[in-house]
Amino acid sequence: MTPTAPDRPQPLFRRIRRAWADAPAVVQVLAVAAIYFGFLTLIDFAGGKRSASRCSSVPASRSCSAR
């Protein structure tokens, strides 16, 4: 019987690309969503507390958007 394994191991990029192509669509969607969520979280953390604390000193009677 002839061996079915390749003569030499495939490069890592080719193995990852092949695994991505063979993965079910739901796995691909979840992976892209996780990367997108991580990217947006990184952007949020890089912005510091500026966006969260901008309205913290505004009294409850005034709207933050009125500033």
PDB file of N, CA and C in Angstrom:
ATOM      1  N   MET A   1       0.838  -1.178   0.000  1.00  0.00           N
ATOM      2  CA  MET A   1       0.000   0.000   0.000  1.00  0.00           C
ATOM      3  C   MET A   1       0.888   1.249   0.000  1.00  0.00           C
ATOM      4  N   THR A   2       0.501   2.245  -0.738  1.00  0.00           N
ATOM      5  CA  THR A   2       1.276   3.478  -0.845  1.00  0.00           C
ATOM      6  C   THR A   2       0.978   4.396   0.357  1.00  0.00           C
ATOM      7  N   PRO A   3       2.004   5.022   0.909  1.00  0.00           N
ATOM      8  CA  PRO A   3       1.753   5.949   2.026  1.00  0.00           C
ATOM      9  C   PRO A   3       1.030   7.209   1.523  1.00  0.00           C
ATOM     10  N   THR A   4       0.118   7.704   2.323  1.00  0.00           N
ATOM     11  CA  THR A   4      -0.637   8.902   1.930  1.00  0.00           C
ATOM     12  C   THR A   4      -0.073  10.177   2.544  1.00  0.00           C
ATOM     13  N   ALA A   5       0.844  10.041   3.468  1.00  0.00           N
ATOM     14  CA  ALA A   5       1.443  11.223   4.093  1.00  0.00           C
ATOM     15  C   ALA A   5       2.421  11.891   3.127  1.00  0.00           C
ATOM     16  N   PRO A   6       2.528  13.221   3.187  1.00  0.00           N
ATOM     17  CA  PRO A   6       3.491  13.895   2.307  1.00  0.00           C
ATOM     18  C   PRO A   6       4.930  13.526   2.680  1.00  0.00           C
ATOM     19  N   ASP A   7       5.826  13.649   1.722  1.00  0.00           N
ATOM     20  CA  ASP A   7       7.225  13.307   1.956  1.00  0.00           C
ATOM     21  C   ASP A   7       7.858  14.214   3.007  1.00  0.00           C
ATOM     22  N   ARG A   8       7.483  15.468   2.969  1.00  0.00           N
ATOM     23  CA  ARG A   8       8.038  16.417   3.942  1.00  0.00           C
ATOM     24  C   ARG A   8       6.881  17.144   4.629  1.00  0.00           C
ATOM     25  N   PRO A   9       7.089  17.618   5.853  1.00  0.00           N
ATOM     26  CA  PRO A   9       6.012  18.316   6.548  1.00  0.00           C
ATOM     27  C   PRO A   9       5.669  19.641   5.850  1.00  0.00           C
ATOM     28  N   GLN A  10       4.402  19.978   5.896  1.00  0.00           N
ATOM     29  CA  GLN A  10       3.940  21.214   5.264  1.00  0.00           C
ATOM     30  C   GLN A  10       4.286  22.414   6.150  1.00  0.00           C
ATOM     31  N   PRO A  11       4.523  23.590   5.539  1.00  0.00           N
ATOM     32  CA  PRO A  11       4.787  24.788   6.337  1.00  0.00           C
ATOM     33  C   PRO A  11       3.580  25.131   7.221  1.00  0.00           C
ATOM     34  N   LEU A  12       3.849  25.807   8.321  1.00  0.00           N
ATOM     35  CA  LEU A  12       2.800  26.149   9.278  1.00  0.00           C
ATOM     36  C   LEU A  12       1.704  26.982   8.632  1.00  0.00           C
ATOM     37  N   PHE A  13       2.081  27.972   7.818  1.00  0.00           N
ATOM     38  CA  PHE A  13       1.077  28.816   7.175  1.00  0.00           C
ATOM     39  C   PHE A  13       0.132  27.986   6.313  1.00  0.00           C
ATOM     40  N   ARG A  14       0.663  27.019   5.580  1.00  0.00           N
ATOM     41  CA  ARG A  14      -0.177  26.182   4.720  1.00  0.00           C
ATOM     42  C   ARG A  14      -1.119  25.314   5.546  1.00  0.00           C
ATOM     43  N   ARG A  15      -0.616  24.809   6.700  1.00  0.00           N
ATOM     44  CA  ARG A  15      -1.483  24.003   7.564  1.00  0.00           C
ATOM     45  C   ARG A  15      -2.600  24.848   8.166  1.00  0.00           C
ATOM     46  N   ILE A  16      -2.275  26.076   8.577  1.00  0.00           N
ATOM     47  CA  ILE A  16      -3.298  26.964   9.139  1.00  0.00           C
ATOM     48  C   ILE A  16      -4.310  27.343   8.067  1.00  0.00           C
ATOM     49  N   ARG A  17      -3.834  27.676   6.863  1.00  0.00           N
ATOM     50  CA  ARG A  17      -4.739  28.034   5.770  1.00  0.00           C
ATOM     51  C   ARG A  17      -5.658  26.870   5.410  1.00  0.00           C
ATOM     52  N   ARG A  18      -5.125  25.676   5.424  1.00  0.00           N
ATOM     53  CA  ARG A  18      -5.938  24.497   5.103  1.00  0.00           C
ATOM     54  C   ARG A  18      -6.979  24.230   6.197  1.00  0.00           C
ATOM     55  N   ALA A  19      -6.567  24.409   7.467  1.00  0.00           N
ATOM     56  CA  ALA A  19      -7.502  24.213   8.579  1.00  0.00           C
ATOM     57  C   ALA A  19      -8.613  25.250   8.529  1.00  0.00           C
ATOM     58  N   TRP A  20      -8.258  26.490   8.146  1.00  0.00           N
ATOM     59  CA  TRP A  20      -9.270  27.555   8.035  1.00  0.00           C
ATOM     60  C   TRP A  20     -10.260  27.224   6.916  1.00  0.00           C
ATOM     61  N   ALA A  21      -9.762  26.731   5.816  1.00  0.00           N
ATOM     62  CA  ALA A  21     -10.635  26.402   4.690  1.00  0.00           C
ATOM     63  C   ALA A  21     -11.547  25.218   5.014  1.00  0.00           C
ATOM     64  N   ASP A  22     -11.071  24.292   5.823  1.00  0.00           N
ATOM     65  CA  ASP A  22     -11.859  23.110   6.163  1.00  0.00           C
ATOM     66  C   ASP A  22     -12.773  23.325   7.367  1.00  0.00           C
ATOM     67  N   ALA A  23     -12.613  24.440   8.073  1.00  0.00           N
ATOM     68  CA  ALA A  23     -13.416  24.692   9.278  1.00  0.00           C
ATOM     69  C   ALA A  23     -14.855  25.022   8.904  1.00  0.00           C
ATOM     70  N   PRO A  24     -15.794  24.647   9.759  1.00  0.00           N
ATOM     71  CA  PRO A  24     -17.191  25.017   9.502  1.00  0.00           C
ATOM     72  C   PRO A  24     -17.366  26.537   9.533  1.00  0.00           C
ATOM     73  N   ALA A  25     -18.376  27.021   8.870  1.00  0.00           N
ATOM     74  CA  ALA A  25     -18.598  28.472   8.774  1.00  0.00           C
ATOM     75  C   ALA A  25     -18.788  29.110  10.143  1.00  0.00           C
ATOM     76  N   VAL A  26     -19.445  28.399  11.051  1.00  0.00           N
ATOM     77  CA  VAL A  26     -19.695  28.990  12.371  1.00  0.00           C
ATOM     78  C   VAL A  26     -18.380  29.215  13.122  1.00  0.00           C
ATOM     79  N   VAL A  27     -17.407  28.349  12.936  1.00  0.00           N
ATOM     80  CA  VAL A  27     -16.097  28.532  13.567  1.00  0.00           C
ATOM     81  C   VAL A  27     -15.404  29.756  12.978  1.00  0.00           C
ATOM     82  N   GLN A  28     -15.504  29.930  11.672  1.00  0.00           N
ATOM     83  CA  GLN A  28     -14.900  31.095  11.039  1.00  0.00           C
ATOM     84  C   GLN A  28     -15.556  32.381  11.514  1.00  0.00           C
ATOM     85  N   VAL A  29     -16.879  32.385  11.617  1.00  0.00           N
ATOM     86  CA  VAL A  29     -17.594  33.581  12.079  1.00  0.00           C
ATOM     87  C   VAL A  29     -17.212  33.900  13.515  1.00  0.00           C
ATOM     88  N   LEU A  30     -17.153  32.893  14.377  1.00  0.00           N
ATOM     89  CA  LEU A  30     -16.773  33.131  15.768  1.00  0.00           C
ATOM     90  C   LEU A  30     -15.331  33.634  15.884  1.00  0.00           C
ATOM     91  N   ALA A  31     -14.445  33.115  15.066  1.00  0.00           N
ATOM     92  CA  ALA A  31     -13.052  33.558  15.102  1.00  0.00           C
ATOM     93  C   ALA A  31     -12.941  35.018  14.670  1.00  0.00           C
ATOM     94  N   VAL A  32     -13.624  35.387  13.609  1.00  0.00           N
ATOM     95  CA  VAL A  32     -13.583  36.778  13.141  1.00  0.00           C
ATOM     96  C   VAL A  32     -14.220  37.697  14.173  1.00  0.00           C
ATOM     97  N   ALA A  33     -15.324  37.267  14.791  1.00  0.00           N
ATOM     98  CA  ALA A  33     -15.979  38.082  15.813  1.00  0.00           C
ATOM     99  C   ALA A  33     -15.068  38.275  17.025  1.00  0.00           C
ATOM    100  N   ALA A  34     -14.341  37.239  17.424  1.00  0.00           N
ATOM    101  CA  ALA A  34     -13.429  37.350  18.564  1.00  0.00           C
ATOM    102  C   ALA A  34     -12.282  38.308  18.257  1.00  0.00           C
ATOM    103  N   ILE A  35     -11.751  38.238  17.051  1.00  0.00           N
ATOM    104  CA  ILE A  35     -10.674  39.157  16.667  1.00  0.00           C
ATOM    105  C   ILE A  35     -11.190  40.595  16.622  1.00  0.00           C
ATOM    106  N   TYR A  36     -12.384  40.789  16.073  1.00  0.00           N
ATOM    107  CA  TYR A  36     -12.990  42.124  15.995  1.00  0.00           C
ATOM    108  C   TYR A  36     -13.256  42.675  17.394  1.00  0.00           C
ATOM    109  N   PHE A  37     -13.796  41.854  18.284  1.00  0.00           N
ATOM    110  CA  PHE A  37     -14.061  42.278  19.646  1.00  0.00           C
ATOM    111  C   PHE A  37     -12.758  42.643  20.357  1.00  0.00           C
ATOM    112  N   GLY A  38     -11.730  41.835  20.170  1.00  0.00           N
ATOM    113  CA  GLY A  38     -10.432  42.132  20.770  1.00  0.00           C
ATOM    114  C   GLY A  38      -9.846  43.434  20.254  1.00  0.00           C
ATOM    115  N   PHE A  39      -9.988  43.670  18.958  1.00  0.00           N
ATOM    116  CA  PHE A  39      -9.480  44.911  18.363  1.00  0.00           C
ATOM    117  C   PHE A  39     -10.207  46.127  18.939  1.00  0.00           C
ATOM    118  N   LEU A  40     -11.533  46.038  19.023  1.00  0.00           N
ATOM    119  CA  LEU A  40     -12.296  47.160  19.577  1.00  0.00           C
ATOM    120  C   LEU A  40     -11.991  47.368  21.063  1.00  0.00           C
ATOM    121  N   THR A  41     -11.771  46.291  21.793  1.00  0.00           N
ATOM    122  CA  THR A  41     -11.398  46.407  23.199  1.00  0.00           C
ATOM    123  C   THR A  41     -10.043  47.078  23.335  1.00  0.00           C
ATOM    124  N   LEU A  42      -9.113  46.714  22.474  1.00  0.00           N
ATOM    125  CA  LEU A  42      -7.795  47.345  22.496  1.00  0.00           C
ATOM    126  C   LEU A  42      -7.899  48.841  22.226  1.00  0.00           C
ATOM    127  N   ILE A  43      -8.710  49.210  21.254  1.00  0.00           N
ATOM    128  CA  ILE A  43      -8.897  50.627  20.944  1.00  0.00           C
ATOM    129  C   ILE A  43      -9.502  51.350  22.142  1.00  0.00           C
ATOM    130  N   ASP A  44     -10.465  50.713  22.800  1.00  0.00           N
ATOM    131  CA  ASP A  44     -11.107  51.318  23.963  1.00  0.00           C
ATOM    132  C   ASP A  44     -10.108  51.522  25.089  1.00  0.00           C
ATOM    133  N   PHE A  45      -9.268  50.518  25.352  1.00  0.00           N
ATOM    134  CA  PHE A  45      -8.265  50.649  26.411  1.00  0.00           C
ATOM    135  C   PHE A  45      -7.200  51.669  26.047  1.00  0.00           C
ATOM    136  N   ALA A  46      -6.877  51.784  24.785  1.00  0.00           N
ATOM    137  CA  ALA A  46      -5.867  52.745  24.359  1.00  0.00           C
ATOM    138  C   ALA A  46      -6.371  54.178  24.522  1.00  0.00           C
ATOM    139  N   GLY A  47      -7.683  54.374  24.457  1.00  0.00           N
ATOM    140  CA  GLY A  47      -8.258  55.696  24.634  1.00  0.00           C
ATOM    141  C   GLY A  47      -8.218  56.174  26.066  1.00  0.00           C
ATOM    142  N   GLY A  48      -7.959  55.303  27.004  1.00  0.00           N
ATOM    143  CA  GLY A  48      -7.897  55.683  28.404  1.00  0.00           C
ATOM    144  C   GLY A  48      -9.277  55.915  28.983  1.00  0.00           C
ATOM    145  N   LYS A  49      -9.310  56.687  30.063  1.00  0.00           N
ATOM    146  CA  LYS A  49     -10.564  56.949  30.757  1.00  0.00           C
ATOM    147  C   LYS A  49     -11.281  58.155  30.194  1.00  0.00           C
ATOM    148  N   ARG A  50     -10.773  58.729  29.141  1.00  0.00           N
ATOM    149  CA  ARG A  50     -11.347  59.942  28.580  1.00  0.00           C
ATOM    150  C   ARG A  50     -12.812  59.758  28.221  1.00  0.00           C
ATOM    151  N   SER A  51     -13.160  58.688  27.550  1.00  0.00           N
ATOM    152  CA  SER A  51     -14.538  58.498  27.110  1.00  0.00           C
ATOM    153  C   SER A  51     -15.457  58.125  28.267  1.00  0.00           C
ATOM    154  N   ALA A  52     -14.953  57.404  29.262  1.00  0.00           N
ATOM    155  CA  ALA A  52     -15.805  56.965  30.358  1.00  0.00           C
ATOM    156  C   ALA A  52     -16.003  58.066  31.392  1.00  0.00           C
ATOM    157  N   SER A  53     -14.986  58.900  31.636  1.00  0.00           N
ATOM    158  CA  SER A  53     -15.084  59.893  32.706  1.00  0.00           C
ATOM    159  C   SER A  53     -15.496  61.264  32.192  1.00  0.00           C
ATOM    160  N   ARG A  54     -15.758  61.386  30.917  1.00  0.00           N
ATOM    161  CA  ARG A  54     -16.093  62.686  30.356  1.00  0.00           C
ATOM    162  C   ARG A  54     -17.350  63.257  30.996  1.00  0.00           C
ATOM    163  N   CYS A  55     -18.330  62.422  31.280  1.00  0.00           N
ATOM    164  CA  CYS A  55     -19.610  62.890  31.804  1.00  0.00           C
ATOM    165  C   CYS A  55     -19.754  62.630  33.295  1.00  0.00           C
ATOM    166  N   SER A  56     -18.718  62.134  33.949  1.00  0.00           N
ATOM    167  CA  SER A  56     -18.884  61.760  35.355  1.00  0.00           C
ATOM    168  C   SER A  56     -19.038  62.974  36.261  1.00  0.00           C
ATOM    169  N   SER A  57     -18.519  64.133  35.870  1.00  0.00           N
ATOM    170  CA  SER A  57     -18.614  65.306  36.730  1.00  0.00           C
ATOM    171  C   SER A  57     -19.866  66.139  36.443  1.00  0.00           C
ATOM    172  N   VAL A  58     -20.669  65.714  35.498  1.00  0.00           N
ATOM    173  CA  VAL A  58     -21.884  66.457  35.149  1.00  0.00           C
ATOM    174  C   VAL A  58     -22.983  66.088  36.133  1.00  0.00           C
ATOM    175  N   PRO A  59     -23.648  67.089  36.749  1.00  0.00           N
ATOM    176  CA  PRO A  59     -24.752  66.763  37.658  1.00  0.00           C
ATOM    177  C   PRO A  59     -25.870  66.026  36.916  1.00  0.00           C
ATOM    178  N   ALA A  60     -26.665  65.293  37.670  1.00  0.00           N
ATOM    179  CA  ALA A  60     -27.720  64.483  37.076  1.00  0.00           C
ATOM    180  C   ALA A  60     -28.774  65.344  36.394  1.00  0.00           C
ATOM    181  N   SER A  61     -28.919  66.608  36.826  1.00  0.00           N
ATOM    182  CA  SER A  61     -29.950  67.457  36.247  1.00  0.00           C
ATOM    183  C   SER A  61     -29.566  67.945  34.847  1.00  0.00           C
ATOM    184  N   ARG A  62     -28.276  67.941  34.536  1.00  0.00           N
ATOM    185  CA  ARG A  62     -27.825  68.402  33.217  1.00  0.00           C
ATOM    186  C   ARG A  62     -27.458  67.225  32.348  1.00  0.00           C
ATOM    187  N   SER A  63     -27.632  67.392  31.084  1.00  0.00           N
ATOM    188  CA  SER A  63     -27.273  66.333  30.145  1.00  0.00           C
ATOM    189  C   SER A  63     -25.793  66.444  29.801  1.00  0.00           C
ATOM    190  N   CYS A  64     -25.159  65.335  29.574  1.00  0.00           N
ATOM    191  CA  CYS A  64     -23.744  65.329  29.205  1.00  0.00           C
ATOM    192  C   CYS A  64     -23.545  65.945  27.826  1.00  0.00           C
ATOM    193  N   SER A  65     -24.521  65.785  26.952  1.00  0.00           N
ATOM    194  CA  SER A  65     -24.375  66.298  25.594  1.00  0.00           C
ATOM    195  C   SER A  65     -24.513  67.820  25.543  1.00  0.00           C
ATOM    196  N   ALA A  66     -24.948  68.434  26.622  1.00  0.00           N
ATOM    197  CA  ALA A  66     -25.104  69.889  26.638  1.00  0.00           C
ATOM    198  C   ALA A  66     -23.771  70.585  26.802  1.00  0.00           C
ATOM    199  N   ARG A  67     -22.735  69.870  27.128  1.00  0.00           N
ATOM    200  CA  ARG A  67     -21.411  70.478  27.326  1.00  0.00           C
ATOM    201  C   ARG A  67     -20.812  70.923  26.039  1.00  0.00           C
TER     202      ARG A  67
END
